[in-house]
Amino acid sequence: MGKEFWKDIPLNQLSEEQWESLCDGCGKCCLNKLEDDGEVAFTWVSCRFLDCETCQCTDYPNRLKNVPSCIKISPEKLDSLLPILPQTCAYKLIATGQDLYEWHHLISGDRSLVHEEEISVKGMAISEDEVDPDDLDLFIIDEEDF
C-alpha cells in the first residue's frame, strides 16, 4: 500500500485491503447504540462477539450472518452511517475531509496506540451477554467521554 493512500484515492476506489486497513481497531462501532427521535447514544455494552480486551471481533468472517444488526461499513453505506460512527473513526474523518489522528496505526505505525491513548473501548466495554437488554440505558456514554 502506498503511503497515505487515503489522501490520493477516493474511498469508493480503495481496494478491500486498503479499506480494511483504515479501521483503527477501536471497537466503538461494535458498541450497542440507542436511538430516540433521531438522536443516537452509544453505550458501553458491546456485541457479544467483540473481545473487550483486544477490541477485535471474534467472528469477523461470519459477523453479518450471526448478528443481523451488525453494521458493515462500506463505501456505499458510509454517508448514511456517518451519524452513528464515532468522531474518531477513520472512515468518518476521511469522508468529511479530515485527516487521521497521530495515534492511528497508518500514521504512527503502531496498532497499540489506539489502546494506549485510551481511544478504544479496551477495558471499558462490557459484553451484551452480561447485561439485561432492558438496562442498556444505564450504560449510556457521556459524549465528552467518547
C-alpha atoms as a PDB file:
ATOM      1  CA  MET A   1       0.000   0.000   0.000  1.00  0.00           C
ATOM      2  CA  GLY A   2       1.185   3.465  -0.793  1.00  0.00           C
ATOM      3  CA  LYS A   3       1.957   5.906   1.973  1.00  0.00           C
ATOM      4  CA  GLU A   4      -1.132   7.968   2.850  1.00  0.00           C
ATOM      5  CA  PHE A   5      -3.130   6.294   0.065  1.00  0.00           C
ATOM      6  CA  TRP A   6      -6.365   7.609   1.613  1.00  0.00           C
ATOM      7  CA  LYS A   7      -5.349  11.124   0.571  1.00  0.00           C
ATOM      8  CA  ASP A   8      -4.893  10.159  -3.082  1.00  0.00           C
ATOM      9  CA  ILE A   9      -7.595   7.569  -3.713  1.00  0.00           C
ATOM     10  CA  PRO A  10     -11.329   8.216  -3.249  1.00  0.00           C
ATOM     11  CA  LEU A  11     -12.856   5.948  -0.605  1.00  0.00           C
ATOM     12  CA  ASN A  12     -15.076   4.231  -3.173  1.00  0.00           C
ATOM     13  CA  GLN A  13     -11.995   3.257  -5.205  1.00  0.00           C
ATOM     14  CA  LEU A  14      -9.931   1.711  -2.419  1.00  0.00           C
ATOM     15  CA  SER A  15      -9.040  -1.965  -2.617  1.00  0.00           C
ATOM     16  CA  GLU A  16     -10.563  -4.196   0.044  1.00  0.00           C
ATOM     17  CA  GLU A  17      -7.165  -4.370   1.759  1.00  0.00           C
ATOM     18  CA  GLN A  18      -6.842  -0.574   1.796  1.00  0.00           C
ATOM     19  CA  TRP A  19     -10.410  -0.157   3.055  1.00  0.00           C
ATOM     20  CA  GLU A  20      -9.973  -2.661   5.884  1.00  0.00           C
ATOM     21  CA  SER A  21      -6.629  -1.122   6.872  1.00  0.00           C
ATOM     22  CA  LEU A  22      -8.357   2.191   7.634  1.00  0.00           C
ATOM     23  CA  CYS A  23     -10.081   0.633  10.636  1.00  0.00           C
ATOM     24  CA  ASP A  24      -8.189   1.693  13.757  1.00  0.00           C
ATOM     25  CA  GLY A  25      -9.459  -1.240  15.824  1.00  0.00           C
ATOM     26  CA  CYS A  26     -11.095   0.909  18.497  1.00  0.00           C
ATOM     27  CA  GLY A  27     -14.189  -1.318  18.774  1.00  0.00           C
ATOM     28  CA  LYS A  28     -16.555   1.640  19.084  1.00  0.00           C
ATOM     29  CA  CYS A  29     -18.659   0.591  16.108  1.00  0.00           C
ATOM     30  CA  CYS A  30     -19.338  -2.692  17.956  1.00  0.00           C
ATOM     31  CA  LEU A  31     -20.994  -0.948  20.886  1.00  0.00           C
ATOM     32  CA  ASN A  32     -24.755  -1.107  21.247  1.00  0.00           C
ATOM     33  CA  LYS A  33     -26.454   2.146  20.403  1.00  0.00           C
ATOM     34  CA  LEU A  34     -29.784   3.562  21.473  1.00  0.00           C
ATOM     35  CA  GLU A  35     -31.747   5.810  19.151  1.00  0.00           C
ATOM     36  CA  ASP A  36     -34.506   8.193  20.163  1.00  0.00           C
ATOM     37  CA  ASP A  37     -36.028  10.786  17.846  1.00  0.00           C
ATOM     38  CA  GLY A  38     -33.015  10.613  15.539  1.00  0.00           C
ATOM     39  CA  GLU A  39     -30.530  11.084  18.385  1.00  0.00           C
ATOM     40  CA  VAL A  40     -28.005   8.282  18.781  1.00  0.00           C
ATOM     41  CA  ALA A  41     -26.445   7.405  22.128  1.00  0.00           C
ATOM     42  CA  PHE A  42     -23.577   4.957  22.432  1.00  0.00           C
ATOM     43  CA  THR A  43     -23.457   2.554  25.368  1.00  0.00           C
ATOM     44  CA  TRP A  44     -20.532   0.722  26.951  1.00  0.00           C
ATOM     45  CA  VAL A  45     -22.299  -2.542  26.080  1.00  0.00           C
ATOM     46  CA  SER A  46     -20.671  -4.362  23.186  1.00  0.00           C
ATOM     47  CA  CYS A  47     -21.740  -7.014  20.747  1.00  0.00           C
ATOM     48  CA  ARG A  48     -21.207 -10.480  22.202  1.00  0.00           C
ATOM     49  CA  PHE A  49     -18.564 -11.191  19.550  1.00  0.00           C
ATOM     50  CA  LEU A  50     -16.321  -8.261  20.473  1.00  0.00           C
ATOM     51  CA  ASP A  51     -13.315  -9.307  22.520  1.00  0.00           C
ATOM     52  CA  CYS A  52     -13.389  -6.432  25.006  1.00  0.00           C
ATOM     53  CA  GLU A  53      -9.639  -6.672  25.673  1.00  0.00           C
ATOM     54  CA  THR A  54      -8.342  -6.788  22.089  1.00  0.00           C
ATOM     55  CA  CYS A  55     -11.259  -4.830  20.560  1.00  0.00           C
ATOM     56  CA  GLN A  56     -11.408  -7.367  17.740  1.00  0.00           C
ATOM     57  CA  CYS A  57     -14.411  -9.300  16.504  1.00  0.00           C
ATOM     58  CA  THR A  58     -14.105 -12.964  17.432  1.00  0.00           C
ATOM     59  CA  ASP A  59     -16.278 -13.991  14.472  1.00  0.00           C
ATOM     60  CA  TYR A  60     -15.427 -11.370  11.851  1.00  0.00           C
ATOM     61  CA  PRO A  61     -15.970 -13.586   8.762  1.00  0.00           C
ATOM     62  CA  ASN A  62     -19.475 -14.589   9.943  1.00  0.00           C
ATOM     63  CA  ARG A  63     -20.475 -11.430  11.808  1.00  0.00           C
ATOM     64  CA  LEU A  64     -23.138 -10.294   9.359  1.00  0.00           C
ATOM     65  CA  LYS A  65     -24.813 -13.701   9.342  1.00  0.00           C
ATOM     66  CA  ASN A  66     -24.643 -14.242  13.108  1.00  0.00           C
ATOM     67  CA  VAL A  67     -25.524 -10.677  14.123  1.00  0.00           C
ATOM     68  CA  PRO A  68     -28.251  -9.313  11.836  1.00  0.00           C
ATOM     69  CA  SER A  69     -27.855  -5.848  13.384  1.00  0.00           C
ATOM     70  CA  CYS A  70     -24.100  -5.784  12.697  1.00  0.00           C
ATOM     71  CA  ILE A  71     -23.144  -2.785  10.614  1.00  0.00           C
ATOM     72  CA  LYS A  72     -20.905  -3.438   7.636  1.00  0.00           C
ATOM     73  CA  ILE A  73     -19.153  -0.164   6.973  1.00  0.00           C
ATOM     74  CA  SER A  74     -18.672   0.143   3.228  1.00  0.00           C
ATOM     75  CA  PRO A  75     -18.111   2.994   0.776  1.00  0.00           C
ATOM     76  CA  GLU A  76     -21.681   2.570  -0.471  1.00  0.00           C
ATOM     77  CA  LYS A  77     -23.217   2.883   3.004  1.00  0.00           C
ATOM     78  CA  LEU A  78     -20.766   5.342   4.525  1.00  0.00           C
ATOM     79  CA  ASP A  79     -22.791   8.542   4.086  1.00  0.00           C
ATOM     80  CA  SER A  80     -25.837   7.038   5.783  1.00  0.00           C
ATOM     81  CA  LEU A  81     -23.688   5.645   8.617  1.00  0.00           C
ATOM     82  CA  LEU A  82     -21.829   8.867   9.445  1.00  0.00           C
ATOM     83  CA  PRO A  83     -24.270   9.879  12.222  1.00  0.00           C
ATOM     84  CA  ILE A  84     -23.648   6.642  14.132  1.00  0.00           C
ATOM     85  CA  LEU A  85     -19.886   6.433  13.678  1.00  0.00           C
ATOM     86  CA  PRO A  86     -17.681   7.815  16.451  1.00  0.00           C
ATOM     87  CA  GLN A  87     -15.879  11.121  15.889  1.00  0.00           C
ATOM     88  CA  THR A  88     -12.508   9.338  15.863  1.00  0.00           C
ATOM     89  CA  CYS A  89     -13.481   6.840  13.135  1.00  0.00           C
ATOM     90  CA  ALA A  90     -11.055   6.951  10.193  1.00  0.00           C
ATOM     91  CA  TYR A  91     -13.858   6.323   7.704  1.00  0.00           C
ATOM     92  CA  LYS A  92     -15.799   9.287   9.084  1.00  0.00           C
ATOM     93  CA  LEU A  93     -12.742  11.526   9.263  1.00  0.00           C
ATOM     94  CA  ILE A  94     -11.743  10.895   5.658  1.00  0.00           C
ATOM     95  CA  ALA A  95     -15.317  11.128   4.347  1.00  0.00           C
ATOM     96  CA  THR A  96     -15.654  14.548   5.974  1.00  0.00           C
ATOM     97  CA  GLY A  97     -12.338  15.850   4.632  1.00  0.00           C
ATOM     98  CA  GLN A  98     -10.310  15.463   7.826  1.00  0.00           C
ATOM     99  CA  ASP A  99      -7.016  13.676   8.340  1.00  0.00           C
ATOM    100  CA  LEU A 100      -6.272  10.702  10.540  1.00  0.00           C
ATOM    101  CA  TYR A 101      -5.148  11.264  14.111  1.00  0.00           C
ATOM    102  CA  GLU A 102      -1.471  10.888  15.014  1.00  0.00           C
ATOM    103  CA  TRP A 103      -2.235   7.740  17.017  1.00  0.00           C
ATOM    104  CA  HIS A 104      -3.792   5.962  14.006  1.00  0.00           C
ATOM    105  CA  HIS A 105      -1.658   2.970  13.036  1.00  0.00           C
ATOM    106  CA  LEU A 106      -1.349   4.138   9.418  1.00  0.00           C
ATOM    107  CA  ILE A 107       0.295   7.335  10.701  1.00  0.00           C
ATOM    108  CA  SER A 108       2.143   6.052  13.779  1.00  0.00           C
ATOM    109  CA  GLY A 109       2.971   2.545  12.588  1.00  0.00           C
ATOM    110  CA  ASP A 110       1.804   1.264  15.977  1.00  0.00           C
ATOM    111  CA  ARG A 111      -1.529  -0.569  16.303  1.00  0.00           C
ATOM    112  CA  SER A 112      -1.349  -0.435  20.106  1.00  0.00           C
ATOM    113  CA  LEU A 113      -1.561   3.374  20.350  1.00  0.00           C
ATOM    114  CA  VAL A 114      -5.341   3.309  19.897  1.00  0.00           C
ATOM    115  CA  HIS A 115      -5.421   1.439  23.218  1.00  0.00           C
ATOM    116  CA  GLU A 116      -2.562   3.268  24.963  1.00  0.00           C
ATOM    117  CA  GLU A 117      -4.143   6.651  24.177  1.00  0.00           C
ATOM    118  CA  GLU A 118      -7.462   5.306  25.529  1.00  0.00           C
ATOM    119  CA  ILE A 119      -9.272   5.845  22.235  1.00  0.00           C
ATOM    120  CA  SER A 120     -10.500   2.254  22.089  1.00  0.00           C
ATOM    121  CA  VAL A 121     -13.097   0.559  24.262  1.00  0.00           C
ATOM    122  CA  LYS A 122     -10.450  -1.748  25.751  1.00  0.00           C
ATOM    123  CA  GLY A 123     -11.167  -2.305  29.411  1.00  0.00           C
ATOM    124  CA  MET A 124     -14.309  -0.154  29.224  1.00  0.00           C
ATOM    125  CA  ALA A 125     -16.797  -2.210  27.223  1.00  0.00           C
ATOM    126  CA  ILE A 126     -18.893  -4.987  28.702  1.00  0.00           C
ATOM    127  CA  SER A 127     -20.398  -7.785  26.638  1.00  0.00           C
ATOM    128  CA  GLU A 128     -24.121  -7.752  25.979  1.00  0.00           C
ATOM    129  CA  ASP A 129     -24.138 -11.300  27.361  1.00  0.00           C
ATOM    130  CA  GLU A 130     -23.569  -9.761  30.807  1.00  0.00           C
ATOM    131  CA  VAL A 131     -26.279  -7.083  30.654  1.00  0.00           C
ATOM    132  CA  ASP A 132     -30.061  -7.237  30.738  1.00  0.00           C
ATOM    133  CA  PRO A 133     -31.233  -5.627  27.460  1.00  0.00           C
ATOM    134  CA  ASP A 134     -33.712  -3.537  29.447  1.00  0.00           C
ATOM    135  CA  ASP A 135     -30.790  -1.952  31.303  1.00  0.00           C
ATOM    136  CA  LEU A 136     -28.917  -0.609  28.256  1.00  0.00           C
ATOM    137  CA  ASP A 137     -29.850   2.954  29.158  1.00  0.00           C
ATOM    138  CA  LEU A 138     -27.811   2.570  32.357  1.00  0.00           C
ATOM    139  CA  PHE A 139     -24.680   2.248  30.219  1.00  0.00           C
ATOM    140  CA  ILE A 140     -25.057   5.334  28.017  1.00  0.00           C
ATOM    141  CA  ILE A 141     -21.723   7.038  27.395  1.00  0.00           C
ATOM    142  CA  ASP A 142     -21.380  10.755  28.067  1.00  0.00           C
ATOM    143  CA  GLU A 143     -20.334  12.409  24.800  1.00  0.00           C
ATOM    144  CA  GLU A 144     -17.286  14.031  26.396  1.00  0.00           C
ATOM    145  CA  ASP A 145     -16.068  10.546  27.356  1.00  0.00           C
ATOM    146  CA  PHE A 146     -16.370   9.339  23.809  1.00  0.00           C
END
